[in-house]
Amino acid sequence: MLMTTPAGMALANTLRDMGIGNEKVLTVIAQTPRHLFVDEAFSHQAWENTALPIGQGQTISQPYIVARMTELLLEVEPQHVLEVGTGSGYQTTVLSQLVPSVCTIERIKSLKFQARRKFNRLDCHNVVTKHGDGWQGWPSKGPFDAIIVTAAASSVPDALLTQLKVGGRLVIPVGEQEQLLKVITREEHRLVSQTIEMVRFVPLINGELA
């Protein structure tokens, strides 16, 4: 069982002061051991509100943006979620405590295996992983109530939009030099896009596995 720590409580309070209002998200952030998801050399910074390198040119996102994207996702009360970009597995672990089913795709095989070991260690048994191209989503596991993308796409991938249920929501950073966090909701006959804020992510690579 994951336990809240003083460092976790301090981080949750920081995020609350920054405008994160979903108390379930804050509780999960407080009890998810972020130090397990960073390189040992950066473990002393694990509970700070900052992005950190995890190797392979990738990063573990700033806790604020993890919390913000998660609370945006939860507004549609999803039961079945796709995450594009497993990375360290931290965002996945946060999601796994808040939704019944999480599918997560990672294009870098070594990161996928490392994250899978962490999910097993933390008893995240509602997570399934795949080594693959996130631009294509995971059609055989869809459609999804919500999709979260943890890297910046140059444009919104059409494949992800087609894998959303009606009423479903895609939370995705879009852009290259200037990146904007967007929420796209599938309605019966149209897509509705909302811009949330400026962000900074590593790029979402299209069609290149490692």
N, C-alpha and C. Protein backbone atom coordinates (compact mmCIF):
# COMPACT_ATOMS: atom_id res chain seq x y z
N MET A 1 0.84 -1.20 0.00
CA MET A 1 0.00 0.00 0.00
C MET A 1 0.87 1.25 0.00
N LEU A 2 0.54 2.22 -0.84
CA LEU A 2 1.29 3.46 -0.88
C LEU A 2 0.89 4.33 0.30
N MET A 3 1.88 4.99 0.88
CA MET A 3 1.65 5.79 2.08
C MET A 3 2.06 7.24 1.85
N THR A 4 1.31 8.16 2.42
CA THR A 4 1.66 9.57 2.34
C THR A 4 2.86 9.86 3.24
N THR A 5 3.81 10.62 2.71
CA THR A 5 5.01 11.00 3.46
C THR A 5 5.01 12.51 3.70
N PRO A 6 5.79 13.00 4.67
CA PRO A 6 5.89 14.45 4.87
C PRO A 6 6.32 15.19 3.61
N ALA A 7 7.28 14.60 2.86
CA ALA A 7 7.71 15.23 1.61
C ALA A 7 6.57 15.26 0.61
N GLY A 8 5.78 14.19 0.57
CA GLY A 8 4.64 14.15 -0.32
C GLY A 8 3.58 15.17 0.05
N MET A 9 3.33 15.32 1.34
CA MET A 9 2.36 16.32 1.80
C MET A 9 2.81 17.72 1.44
N ALA A 10 4.11 17.98 1.59
CA ALA A 10 4.64 19.31 1.26
C ALA A 10 4.47 19.59 -0.23
N LEU A 11 4.72 18.59 -1.07
CA LEU A 11 4.55 18.76 -2.51
C LEU A 11 3.08 19.00 -2.84
N ALA A 12 2.19 18.22 -2.23
CA ALA A 12 0.76 18.40 -2.47
C ALA A 12 0.30 19.80 -2.08
N ASN A 13 0.81 20.31 -0.97
CA ASN A 13 0.46 21.67 -0.54
C ASN A 13 0.96 22.71 -1.53
N THR A 14 2.15 22.48 -2.08
CA THR A 14 2.68 23.39 -3.10
C THR A 14 1.76 23.41 -4.32
N LEU A 15 1.33 22.23 -4.74
CA LEU A 15 0.46 22.13 -5.93
C LEU A 15 -0.91 22.75 -5.64
N ARG A 16 -1.40 22.58 -4.43
CA ARG A 16 -2.68 23.21 -4.05
C ARG A 16 -2.55 24.73 -4.15
N ASP A 17 -1.43 25.26 -3.68
CA ASP A 17 -1.20 26.71 -3.76
C ASP A 17 -1.09 27.18 -5.21
N MET A 18 -0.70 26.29 -6.11
CA MET A 18 -0.56 26.64 -7.53
C MET A 18 -1.87 26.48 -8.30
N GLY A 19 -2.92 26.05 -7.61
CA GLY A 19 -4.23 26.00 -8.25
C GLY A 19 -4.79 24.62 -8.53
N ILE A 20 -4.09 23.55 -8.15
CA ILE A 20 -4.64 22.21 -8.32
C ILE A 20 -5.74 22.02 -7.28
N GLY A 21 -6.96 21.74 -7.76
CA GLY A 21 -8.10 21.71 -6.85
C GLY A 21 -8.69 20.34 -6.58
N ASN A 22 -8.28 19.33 -7.33
CA ASN A 22 -8.83 17.99 -7.15
C ASN A 22 -8.12 17.30 -5.98
N GLU A 23 -8.83 17.11 -4.89
CA GLU A 23 -8.20 16.57 -3.68
C GLU A 23 -7.77 15.12 -3.85
N LYS A 24 -8.48 14.36 -4.69
CA LYS A 24 -8.06 12.98 -4.95
C LYS A 24 -6.69 12.96 -5.64
N VAL A 25 -6.52 13.86 -6.60
CA VAL A 25 -5.23 13.95 -7.29
C VAL A 25 -4.13 14.35 -6.31
N LEU A 26 -4.40 15.31 -5.46
CA LEU A 26 -3.39 15.76 -4.49
C LEU A 26 -3.02 14.65 -3.53
N THR A 27 -3.99 13.87 -3.10
CA THR A 27 -3.72 12.75 -2.20
C THR A 27 -2.82 11.72 -2.87
N VAL A 28 -3.12 11.41 -4.13
CA VAL A 28 -2.31 10.43 -4.86
C VAL A 28 -0.90 10.95 -5.10
N ILE A 29 -0.76 12.22 -5.44
CA ILE A 29 0.57 12.81 -5.60
C ILE A 29 1.36 12.69 -4.30
N ALA A 30 0.69 12.93 -3.19
CA ALA A 30 1.36 12.89 -1.88
C ALA A 30 1.85 11.49 -1.52
N GLN A 31 1.17 10.46 -2.02
CA GLN A 31 1.52 9.10 -1.62
C GLN A 31 2.29 8.31 -2.69
N THR A 32 2.49 8.88 -3.86
CA THR A 32 3.24 8.18 -4.90
C THR A 32 4.73 8.48 -4.76
N PRO A 33 5.56 7.47 -4.55
CA PRO A 33 6.99 7.68 -4.23
C PRO A 33 7.80 8.12 -5.45
N ARG A 34 7.79 9.41 -5.72
CA ARG A 34 8.41 9.93 -6.94
C ARG A 34 9.91 9.60 -7.01
N HIS A 35 10.54 9.43 -5.84
CA HIS A 35 11.98 9.13 -5.84
C HIS A 35 12.30 7.79 -6.52
N LEU A 36 11.31 6.90 -6.60
CA LEU A 36 11.54 5.62 -7.27
C LEU A 36 11.59 5.76 -8.78
N PHE A 37 11.15 6.89 -9.30
CA PHE A 37 11.01 7.08 -10.75
C PHE A 37 12.11 7.95 -11.35
N VAL A 38 13.06 8.38 -10.54
CA VAL A 38 14.15 9.22 -11.03
C VAL A 38 15.48 8.50 -10.81
N ASP A 39 16.50 8.91 -11.56
CA ASP A 39 17.84 8.38 -11.35
C ASP A 39 18.31 8.70 -9.94
N GLU A 40 19.05 7.79 -9.36
CA GLU A 40 19.51 7.97 -7.96
C GLU A 40 20.24 9.29 -7.77
N ALA A 41 20.94 9.75 -8.81
CA ALA A 41 21.69 11.00 -8.70
C ALA A 41 20.77 12.20 -8.48
N PHE A 42 19.49 12.06 -8.83
CA PHE A 42 18.53 13.16 -8.68
C PHE A 42 17.50 12.89 -7.58
N SER A 43 17.71 11.84 -6.80
CA SER A 43 16.70 11.45 -5.81
C SER A 43 16.47 12.53 -4.76
N HIS A 44 17.50 13.35 -4.50
CA HIS A 44 17.33 14.42 -3.51
C HIS A 44 16.40 15.52 -4.01
N GLN A 45 16.13 15.54 -5.32
CA GLN A 45 15.22 16.52 -5.91
C GLN A 45 13.86 15.93 -6.25
N ALA A 46 13.66 14.67 -5.91
CA ALA A 46 12.47 13.95 -6.39
C ALA A 46 11.16 14.59 -5.94
N TRP A 47 11.14 15.20 -4.77
CA TRP A 47 9.90 15.76 -4.24
C TRP A 47 9.77 17.25 -4.51
N GLU A 48 10.66 17.78 -5.34
CA GLU A 48 10.54 19.17 -5.75
C GLU A 48 9.61 19.27 -6.96
N ASN A 49 9.03 20.44 -7.15
CA ASN A 49 8.13 20.65 -8.28
C ASN A 49 8.94 21.02 -9.51
N THR A 50 9.67 20.03 -10.02
CA THR A 50 10.54 20.28 -11.17
C THR A 50 10.63 19.03 -12.04
N ALA A 51 10.80 19.21 -13.34
CA ALA A 51 11.06 18.09 -14.24
C ALA A 51 12.50 17.62 -14.06
N LEU A 52 12.73 16.31 -14.25
CA LEU A 52 14.07 15.75 -14.07
C LEU A 52 14.37 14.77 -15.19
N PRO A 53 15.65 14.64 -15.59
CA PRO A 53 16.00 13.68 -16.64
C PRO A 53 15.87 12.24 -16.14
N ILE A 54 15.46 11.34 -17.04
CA ILE A 54 15.37 9.91 -16.69
C ILE A 54 16.20 9.05 -17.64
N GLY A 55 17.02 9.71 -18.49
CA GLY A 55 17.81 8.96 -19.47
C GLY A 55 17.11 8.87 -20.81
N GLN A 56 17.86 8.47 -21.84
CA GLN A 56 17.32 8.30 -23.20
C GLN A 56 16.75 9.61 -23.75
N GLY A 57 17.23 10.76 -23.22
CA GLY A 57 16.74 12.05 -23.69
C GLY A 57 15.34 12.38 -23.22
N GLN A 58 14.83 11.63 -22.23
CA GLN A 58 13.47 11.82 -21.73
C GLN A 58 13.49 12.44 -20.33
N THR A 59 12.32 12.88 -19.88
CA THR A 59 12.22 13.49 -18.56
C THR A 59 10.99 12.95 -17.82
N ILE A 60 11.04 13.06 -16.51
CA ILE A 60 9.85 12.87 -15.68
C ILE A 60 9.26 14.27 -15.51
N SER A 61 7.97 14.40 -15.79
CA SER A 61 7.35 15.72 -15.84
C SER A 61 7.30 16.38 -14.46
N GLN A 62 7.21 17.68 -14.48
CA GLN A 62 7.00 18.48 -13.28
C GLN A 62 5.71 18.00 -12.60
N PRO A 63 5.72 17.78 -11.28
CA PRO A 63 4.50 17.32 -10.59
C PRO A 63 3.28 18.20 -10.85
N TYR A 64 3.49 19.51 -10.99
CA TYR A 64 2.33 20.37 -11.27
C TYR A 64 1.63 19.96 -12.55
N ILE A 65 2.40 19.71 -13.61
CA ILE A 65 1.77 19.41 -14.89
C ILE A 65 1.16 18.01 -14.87
N VAL A 66 1.77 17.06 -14.12
CA VAL A 66 1.17 15.74 -13.94
C VAL A 66 -0.20 15.90 -13.27
N ALA A 67 -0.23 16.69 -12.20
CA ALA A 67 -1.49 16.90 -11.48
C ALA A 67 -2.51 17.63 -12.33
N ARG A 68 -2.08 18.63 -13.08
CA ARG A 68 -3.01 19.42 -13.90
C ARG A 68 -3.62 18.56 -15.00
N MET A 69 -2.79 17.80 -15.70
CA MET A 69 -3.30 16.95 -16.78
C MET A 69 -4.22 15.87 -16.22
N THR A 70 -3.87 15.35 -15.05
CA THR A 70 -4.68 14.30 -14.45
C THR A 70 -6.05 14.83 -14.04
N GLU A 71 -6.09 16.00 -13.43
CA GLU A 71 -7.40 16.51 -13.01
C GLU A 71 -8.27 16.89 -14.22
N LEU A 72 -7.65 17.34 -15.30
CA LEU A 72 -8.40 17.60 -16.53
C LEU A 72 -9.00 16.31 -17.08
N LEU A 73 -8.23 15.24 -17.02
CA LEU A 73 -8.69 13.94 -17.50
C LEU A 73 -9.86 13.42 -16.67
N LEU A 74 -9.77 13.60 -15.36
CA LEU A 74 -10.77 13.04 -14.45
C LEU A 74 -12.12 13.73 -14.54
N GLU A 75 -12.18 14.89 -15.17
CA GLU A 75 -13.46 15.60 -15.27
C GLU A 75 -14.52 14.82 -16.03
N VAL A 76 -14.10 13.85 -16.88
CA VAL A 76 -15.07 13.02 -17.60
C VAL A 76 -15.28 11.67 -16.91
N GLU A 77 -14.72 11.52 -15.70
CA GLU A 77 -14.87 10.30 -14.91
C GLU A 77 -14.54 9.04 -15.73
N PRO A 78 -13.33 8.98 -16.29
CA PRO A 78 -12.98 7.86 -17.18
C PRO A 78 -12.81 6.54 -16.42
N GLN A 79 -13.18 5.46 -17.09
CA GLN A 79 -12.97 4.11 -16.56
C GLN A 79 -11.80 3.42 -17.27
N HIS A 80 -11.55 3.82 -18.51
CA HIS A 80 -10.56 3.14 -19.36
C HIS A 80 -9.74 4.22 -20.07
N VAL A 81 -8.46 4.31 -19.72
CA VAL A 81 -7.60 5.42 -20.16
C VAL A 81 -6.40 4.89 -20.94
N LEU A 82 -6.04 5.62 -21.99
CA LEU A 82 -4.80 5.37 -22.72
C LEU A 82 -3.81 6.48 -22.39
N GLU A 83 -2.59 6.08 -22.04
CA GLU A 83 -1.49 7.03 -21.87
C GLU A 83 -0.48 6.81 -22.99
N VAL A 84 -0.13 7.87 -23.68
CA VAL A 84 0.89 7.82 -24.73
C VAL A 84 2.17 8.42 -24.16
N GLY A 85 3.19 7.57 -23.99
CA GLY A 85 4.46 8.01 -23.42
C GLY A 85 4.60 7.58 -21.98
N THR A 86 4.90 6.30 -21.76
CA THR A 86 5.04 5.78 -20.39
C THR A 86 6.17 6.47 -19.65
N GLY A 87 7.30 6.65 -20.32
CA GLY A 87 8.45 7.29 -19.69
C GLY A 87 8.89 6.57 -18.44
N SER A 88 9.01 7.31 -17.35
CA SER A 88 9.44 6.72 -16.08
C SER A 88 8.36 5.84 -15.45
N GLY A 89 7.10 6.08 -15.85
CA GLY A 89 5.99 5.37 -15.25
C GLY A 89 5.31 6.13 -14.12
N TYR A 90 5.80 7.33 -13.82
CA TYR A 90 5.23 8.10 -12.70
C TYR A 90 3.80 8.53 -12.99
N GLN A 91 3.57 9.16 -14.16
CA GLN A 91 2.22 9.57 -14.51
C GLN A 91 1.28 8.36 -14.55
N THR A 92 1.78 7.25 -15.08
CA THR A 92 0.98 6.02 -15.14
C THR A 92 0.56 5.57 -13.75
N THR A 93 1.49 5.60 -12.82
CA THR A 93 1.22 5.16 -11.45
C THR A 93 0.19 6.07 -10.79
N VAL A 94 0.29 7.37 -11.03
CA VAL A 94 -0.71 8.31 -10.51
C VAL A 94 -2.09 7.94 -11.08
N LEU A 95 -2.17 7.74 -12.39
CA LEU A 95 -3.44 7.40 -13.03
C LEU A 95 -4.01 6.09 -12.50
N SER A 96 -3.14 5.11 -12.27
CA SER A 96 -3.61 3.78 -11.88
C SER A 96 -4.33 3.79 -10.54
N GLN A 97 -4.07 4.81 -9.73
CA GLN A 97 -4.73 4.92 -8.43
C GLN A 97 -6.06 5.67 -8.52
N LEU A 98 -6.38 6.18 -9.71
CA LEU A 98 -7.55 7.03 -9.87
C LEU A 98 -8.56 6.50 -10.88
N VAL A 99 -8.13 5.60 -11.77
CA VAL A 99 -9.04 5.03 -12.76
C VAL A 99 -8.88 3.51 -12.77
N PRO A 100 -9.93 2.78 -13.15
CA PRO A 100 -9.88 1.32 -13.08
C PRO A 100 -8.91 0.65 -14.05
N SER A 101 -8.72 1.25 -15.24
CA SER A 101 -7.95 0.57 -16.28
C SER A 101 -7.06 1.57 -17.03
N VAL A 102 -5.76 1.28 -17.09
CA VAL A 102 -4.80 2.16 -17.77
C VAL A 102 -4.00 1.33 -18.78
N CYS A 103 -4.02 1.75 -20.04
CA CYS A 103 -3.15 1.20 -21.08
C CYS A 103 -2.08 2.25 -21.38
N THR A 104 -0.82 1.84 -21.44
CA THR A 104 0.24 2.82 -21.64
C THR A 104 1.23 2.32 -22.70
N ILE A 105 1.62 3.23 -23.60
CA ILE A 105 2.51 2.93 -24.72
C ILE A 105 3.82 3.69 -24.56
N GLU A 106 4.94 3.02 -24.81
CA GLU A 106 6.26 3.66 -24.77
C GLU A 106 7.06 3.21 -25.99
N ARG A 107 7.69 4.15 -26.70
CA ARG A 107 8.43 3.79 -27.91
C ARG A 107 9.85 3.30 -27.59
N ILE A 108 10.37 3.59 -26.38
CA ILE A 108 11.73 3.18 -26.00
C ILE A 108 11.63 1.93 -25.13
N LYS A 109 12.07 0.81 -25.67
CA LYS A 109 11.83 -0.49 -25.01
C LYS A 109 12.42 -0.55 -23.61
N SER A 110 13.62 -0.01 -23.41
CA SER A 110 14.25 -0.08 -22.09
C SER A 110 13.44 0.68 -21.03
N LEU A 111 12.87 1.81 -21.42
CA LEU A 111 12.04 2.57 -20.47
C LEU A 111 10.76 1.80 -20.16
N LYS A 112 10.18 1.16 -21.16
CA LYS A 112 8.97 0.37 -20.94
C LYS A 112 9.24 -0.74 -19.92
N PHE A 113 10.36 -1.45 -20.06
CA PHE A 113 10.68 -2.54 -19.14
C PHE A 113 10.93 -2.01 -17.72
N GLN A 114 11.65 -0.89 -17.63
CA GLN A 114 11.91 -0.31 -16.30
C GLN A 114 10.61 0.09 -15.62
N ALA A 115 9.72 0.71 -16.39
CA ALA A 115 8.44 1.14 -15.83
C ALA A 115 7.61 -0.08 -15.40
N ARG A 116 7.61 -1.14 -16.22
CA ARG A 116 6.85 -2.35 -15.86
C ARG A 116 7.30 -2.93 -14.53
N ARG A 117 8.61 -2.91 -14.29
CA ARG A 117 9.13 -3.42 -13.00
C ARG A 117 8.61 -2.57 -11.84
N LYS A 118 8.55 -1.25 -12.06
CA LYS A 118 8.03 -0.37 -10.99
C LYS A 118 6.55 -0.63 -10.75
N PHE A 119 5.78 -0.83 -11.80
CA PHE A 119 4.35 -1.11 -11.63
C PHE A 119 4.15 -2.40 -10.81
N ASN A 120 4.97 -3.42 -11.08
CA ASN A 120 4.87 -4.66 -10.32
C ASN A 120 5.24 -4.43 -8.86
N ARG A 121 6.30 -3.67 -8.64
CA ARG A 121 6.76 -3.40 -7.27
C ARG A 121 5.68 -2.66 -6.47
N LEU A 122 4.96 -1.75 -7.14
CA LEU A 122 3.96 -0.92 -6.46
C LEU A 122 2.54 -1.50 -6.58
N ASP A 123 2.44 -2.73 -7.07
CA ASP A 123 1.14 -3.42 -7.19
C ASP A 123 0.14 -2.65 -8.06
N CYS A 124 0.63 -2.10 -9.15
CA CYS A 124 -0.25 -1.41 -10.11
C CYS A 124 -0.75 -2.45 -11.11
N HIS A 125 -1.68 -3.28 -10.67
CA HIS A 125 -2.09 -4.43 -11.48
C HIS A 125 -3.15 -4.09 -12.51
N ASN A 126 -3.61 -2.84 -12.52
CA ASN A 126 -4.60 -2.42 -13.52
C ASN A 126 -3.96 -1.69 -14.70
N VAL A 127 -2.65 -1.87 -14.87
CA VAL A 127 -1.89 -1.24 -15.95
C VAL A 127 -1.41 -2.30 -16.94
N VAL A 128 -1.65 -2.07 -18.25
CA VAL A 128 -1.05 -2.91 -19.28
C VAL A 128 -0.14 -2.03 -20.13
N THR A 129 1.00 -2.59 -20.54
CA THR A 129 2.03 -1.81 -21.22
C THR A 129 2.26 -2.35 -22.63
N LYS A 130 2.77 -1.46 -23.48
CA LYS A 130 3.08 -1.84 -24.86
C LYS A 130 4.28 -1.05 -25.34
N HIS A 131 5.17 -1.72 -26.07
CA HIS A 131 6.25 -1.04 -26.78
C HIS A 131 5.74 -0.74 -28.18
N GLY A 132 5.56 0.54 -28.50
CA GLY A 132 4.99 0.87 -29.80
C GLY A 132 4.99 2.35 -30.08
N ASP A 133 4.38 2.70 -31.21
CA ASP A 133 4.33 4.07 -31.71
C ASP A 133 3.08 4.75 -31.15
N GLY A 134 3.29 5.70 -30.25
CA GLY A 134 2.17 6.37 -29.61
C GLY A 134 1.30 7.16 -30.56
N TRP A 135 1.85 7.58 -31.71
CA TRP A 135 1.04 8.31 -32.69
C TRP A 135 -0.13 7.46 -33.20
N GLN A 136 0.05 6.14 -33.14
CA GLN A 136 -0.98 5.23 -33.66
C GLN A 136 -1.96 4.80 -32.57
N GLY A 137 -1.67 5.16 -31.32
CA GLY A 137 -2.54 4.75 -30.23
C GLY A 137 -2.49 3.24 -30.03
N TRP A 138 -3.63 2.69 -29.55
CA TRP A 138 -3.71 1.25 -29.27
C TRP A 138 -5.11 0.80 -29.67
N PRO A 139 -5.36 0.68 -30.98
CA PRO A 139 -6.73 0.43 -31.47
C PRO A 139 -7.40 -0.79 -30.86
N SER A 140 -6.64 -1.86 -30.64
CA SER A 140 -7.25 -3.10 -30.15
C SER A 140 -7.73 -2.98 -28.71
N LYS A 141 -7.23 -1.98 -27.98
CA LYS A 141 -7.65 -1.75 -26.59
C LYS A 141 -8.73 -0.67 -26.49
N GLY A 142 -8.96 0.06 -27.58
CA GLY A 142 -9.94 1.14 -27.56
C GLY A 142 -11.34 0.63 -27.82
N PRO A 143 -12.32 1.53 -27.84
CA PRO A 143 -12.14 2.98 -27.64
C PRO A 143 -11.93 3.31 -26.16
N PHE A 144 -11.42 4.53 -25.92
CA PHE A 144 -11.05 4.96 -24.58
C PHE A 144 -11.96 6.09 -24.10
N ASP A 145 -12.18 6.13 -22.79
CA ASP A 145 -12.90 7.25 -22.19
C ASP A 145 -12.04 8.51 -22.18
N ALA A 146 -10.73 8.30 -22.10
CA ALA A 146 -9.81 9.44 -22.08
C ALA A 146 -8.44 9.00 -22.55
N ILE A 147 -7.72 9.93 -23.16
CA ILE A 147 -6.34 9.69 -23.61
C ILE A 147 -5.49 10.84 -23.12
N ILE A 148 -4.33 10.51 -22.55
CA ILE A 148 -3.38 11.52 -22.08
C ILE A 148 -2.06 11.30 -22.81
N VAL A 149 -1.48 12.37 -23.32
CA VAL A 149 -0.22 12.30 -24.07
C VAL A 149 0.83 13.08 -23.30
N THR A 150 1.97 12.42 -23.02
CA THR A 150 2.98 13.03 -22.15
C THR A 150 4.21 13.49 -22.92
N ALA A 151 4.02 13.79 -24.19
CA ALA A 151 5.05 14.42 -25.02
C ALA A 151 4.33 15.33 -26.01
N ALA A 152 5.05 16.31 -26.54
CA ALA A 152 4.40 17.32 -27.39
C ALA A 152 4.35 16.86 -28.83
N ALA A 153 3.14 16.77 -29.36
CA ALA A 153 2.94 16.41 -30.76
C ALA A 153 2.98 17.66 -31.63
N SER A 154 3.54 17.54 -32.83
CA SER A 154 3.57 18.69 -33.74
C SER A 154 2.16 19.05 -34.20
N SER A 155 1.29 18.04 -34.23
CA SER A 155 -0.14 18.23 -34.52
C SER A 155 -0.89 17.12 -33.80
N VAL A 156 -2.19 17.25 -33.69
CA VAL A 156 -2.96 16.24 -32.97
C VAL A 156 -3.08 14.98 -33.83
N PRO A 157 -2.61 13.83 -33.33
CA PRO A 157 -2.68 12.60 -34.14
C PRO A 157 -4.12 12.16 -34.39
N ASP A 158 -4.47 11.97 -35.67
CA ASP A 158 -5.82 11.56 -36.02
C ASP A 158 -6.19 10.22 -35.39
N ALA A 159 -5.21 9.31 -35.29
CA ALA A 159 -5.49 7.98 -34.75
C ALA A 159 -6.00 8.06 -33.31
N LEU A 160 -5.47 9.00 -32.55
CA LEU A 160 -5.92 9.13 -31.15
C LEU A 160 -7.35 9.63 -31.09
N LEU A 161 -7.68 10.56 -31.97
CA LEU A 161 -9.05 11.10 -31.99
C LEU A 161 -10.06 10.01 -32.33
N THR A 162 -9.70 9.12 -33.24
CA THR A 162 -10.64 8.06 -33.63
C THR A 162 -10.81 7.01 -32.54
N GLN A 163 -9.89 6.97 -31.58
CA GLN A 163 -9.97 5.98 -30.50
C GLN A 163 -10.66 6.52 -29.25
N LEU A 164 -11.19 7.74 -29.34
CA LEU A 164 -11.95 8.32 -28.23
C LEU A 164 -13.42 7.95 -28.34
N LYS A 165 -14.02 7.57 -27.22
CA LYS A 165 -15.48 7.38 -27.18
C LYS A 165 -16.17 8.73 -27.29
N VAL A 166 -17.43 8.73 -27.69
CA VAL A 166 -18.23 9.95 -27.62
C VAL A 166 -18.31 10.38 -26.16
N GLY A 167 -18.02 11.65 -25.92
CA GLY A 167 -17.91 12.15 -24.55
C GLY A 167 -16.51 12.01 -23.98
N GLY A 168 -15.62 11.36 -24.74
CA GLY A 168 -14.25 11.15 -24.29
C GLY A 168 -13.39 12.39 -24.46
N ARG A 169 -12.26 12.37 -23.81
CA ARG A 169 -11.41 13.56 -23.75
C ARG A 169 -9.96 13.19 -24.00
N LEU A 170 -9.30 13.99 -24.85
CA LEU A 170 -7.87 13.88 -25.12
C LEU A 170 -7.17 15.08 -24.48
N VAL A 171 -6.18 14.80 -23.63
CA VAL A 171 -5.36 15.85 -23.01
C VAL A 171 -3.97 15.73 -23.62
N ILE A 172 -3.53 16.77 -24.34
CA ILE A 172 -2.31 16.65 -25.15
C ILE A 172 -1.59 17.99 -25.29
N PRO A 173 -0.26 17.99 -25.13
CA PRO A 173 0.53 19.18 -25.49
C PRO A 173 0.76 19.19 -27.00
N VAL A 174 0.56 20.33 -27.61
CA VAL A 174 0.70 20.44 -29.07
C VAL A 174 1.61 21.62 -29.40
N GLY A 175 2.53 21.40 -30.34
CA GLY A 175 3.41 22.48 -30.79
C GLY A 175 4.86 22.06 -30.76
N GLU A 176 5.69 22.89 -31.37
CA GLU A 176 7.12 22.60 -31.42
C GLU A 176 7.89 23.65 -30.62
N GLN A 177 8.13 24.82 -31.20
CA GLN A 177 8.81 25.88 -30.44
C GLN A 177 7.92 26.40 -29.30
N GLU A 178 6.65 26.62 -29.62
CA GLU A 178 5.68 27.03 -28.61
C GLU A 178 4.67 25.90 -28.43
N GLN A 179 4.58 25.39 -27.21
CA GLN A 179 3.71 24.25 -26.94
C GLN A 179 2.53 24.70 -26.08
N LEU A 180 1.34 24.22 -26.44
CA LEU A 180 0.13 24.55 -25.69
C LEU A 180 -0.54 23.27 -25.24
N LEU A 181 -0.95 23.23 -23.98
CA LEU A 181 -1.70 22.10 -23.47
C LEU A 181 -3.15 22.26 -23.92
N LYS A 182 -3.66 21.24 -24.61
CA LYS A 182 -5.02 21.30 -25.15
C LYS A 182 -5.87 20.16 -24.59
N VAL A 183 -7.15 20.43 -24.46
CA VAL A 183 -8.14 19.41 -24.13
C VAL A 183 -9.12 19.33 -25.30
N ILE A 184 -9.23 18.15 -25.89
CA ILE A 184 -10.13 17.94 -27.03
C ILE A 184 -11.18 16.92 -26.64
N THR A 185 -12.43 17.32 -26.73
CA THR A 185 -13.54 16.46 -26.33
C THR A 185 -14.32 16.01 -27.56
N ARG A 186 -14.59 14.70 -27.65
CA ARG A 186 -15.38 14.17 -28.76
C ARG A 186 -16.85 14.25 -28.40
N GLU A 187 -17.59 15.08 -29.12
CA GLU A 187 -19.04 15.11 -29.00
C GLU A 187 -19.64 14.26 -30.12
N GLU A 188 -20.94 14.15 -30.16
CA GLU A 188 -21.61 13.25 -31.10
C GLU A 188 -21.21 13.51 -32.56
N HIS A 189 -21.17 14.79 -32.94
CA HIS A 189 -20.90 15.11 -34.35
C HIS A 189 -19.75 16.09 -34.54
N ARG A 190 -18.98 16.34 -33.50
CA ARG A 190 -17.87 17.29 -33.64
C ARG A 190 -16.85 17.09 -32.53
N LEU A 191 -15.69 17.72 -32.73
CA LEU A 191 -14.63 17.77 -31.73
C LEU A 191 -14.56 19.20 -31.18
N VAL A 192 -14.45 19.33 -29.88
CA VAL A 192 -14.37 20.63 -29.24
C VAL A 192 -13.00 20.76 -28.58
N SER A 193 -12.25 21.79 -28.97
CA SER A 193 -10.88 21.99 -28.48
C SER A 193 -10.80 23.19 -27.54
N GLN A 194 -10.08 23.01 -26.45
CA GLN A 194 -9.87 24.08 -25.47
C GLN A 194 -8.37 24.17 -25.18
N THR A 195 -7.82 25.38 -25.18
CA THR A 195 -6.42 25.59 -24.83
C THR A 195 -6.33 25.94 -23.35
N ILE A 196 -5.44 25.25 -22.63
CA ILE A 196 -5.34 25.40 -21.18
C ILE A 196 -4.22 26.36 -20.79
N GLU A 197 -2.98 26.05 -21.20
CA GLU A 197 -1.83 26.88 -20.83
C GLU A 197 -0.61 26.48 -21.64
N MET A 198 0.42 27.30 -21.58
CA MET A 198 1.68 26.97 -22.23
C MET A 198 2.43 25.94 -21.39
N VAL A 199 3.12 25.02 -22.08
CA VAL A 199 3.85 23.94 -21.40
C VAL A 199 5.18 23.70 -22.10
N ARG A 200 5.97 22.79 -21.54
CA ARG A 200 7.24 22.41 -22.16
C ARG A 200 7.43 20.91 -21.99
N PHE A 201 7.43 20.18 -23.11
CA PHE A 201 7.60 18.73 -23.11
C PHE A 201 8.65 18.34 -24.14
N VAL A 202 9.19 17.13 -23.99
CA VAL A 202 9.99 16.54 -25.07
C VAL A 202 9.04 16.23 -26.23
N PRO A 203 9.55 16.15 -27.46
CA PRO A 203 8.67 15.91 -28.61
C PRO A 203 8.12 14.49 -28.65
N LEU A 204 6.91 14.35 -29.17
CA LEU A 204 6.31 13.04 -29.44
C LEU A 204 6.82 12.57 -30.80
N ILE A 205 7.66 11.54 -30.79
CA ILE A 205 8.28 11.05 -32.02
C ILE A 205 7.30 10.17 -32.78
N ASN A 206 7.23 10.38 -34.09
CA ASN A 206 6.28 9.67 -34.94
C ASN A 206 6.98 8.54 -35.68
N GLY A 207 6.59 7.29 -35.36
CA GLY A 207 7.01 6.13 -36.15
C GLY A 207 8.43 5.65 -35.95
N GLU A 208 9.11 6.07 -34.91
CA GLU A 208 10.50 5.66 -34.70
C GLU A 208 10.61 5.01 -33.33
N LEU A 209 10.80 3.67 -33.32
CA LEU A 209 10.92 2.95 -32.04
C LEU A 209 12.40 2.78 -31.67
N ALA A 210 12.62 2.63 -30.38
CA ALA A 210 14.00 2.47 -29.89
C ALA A 210 14.03 1.36 -28.85
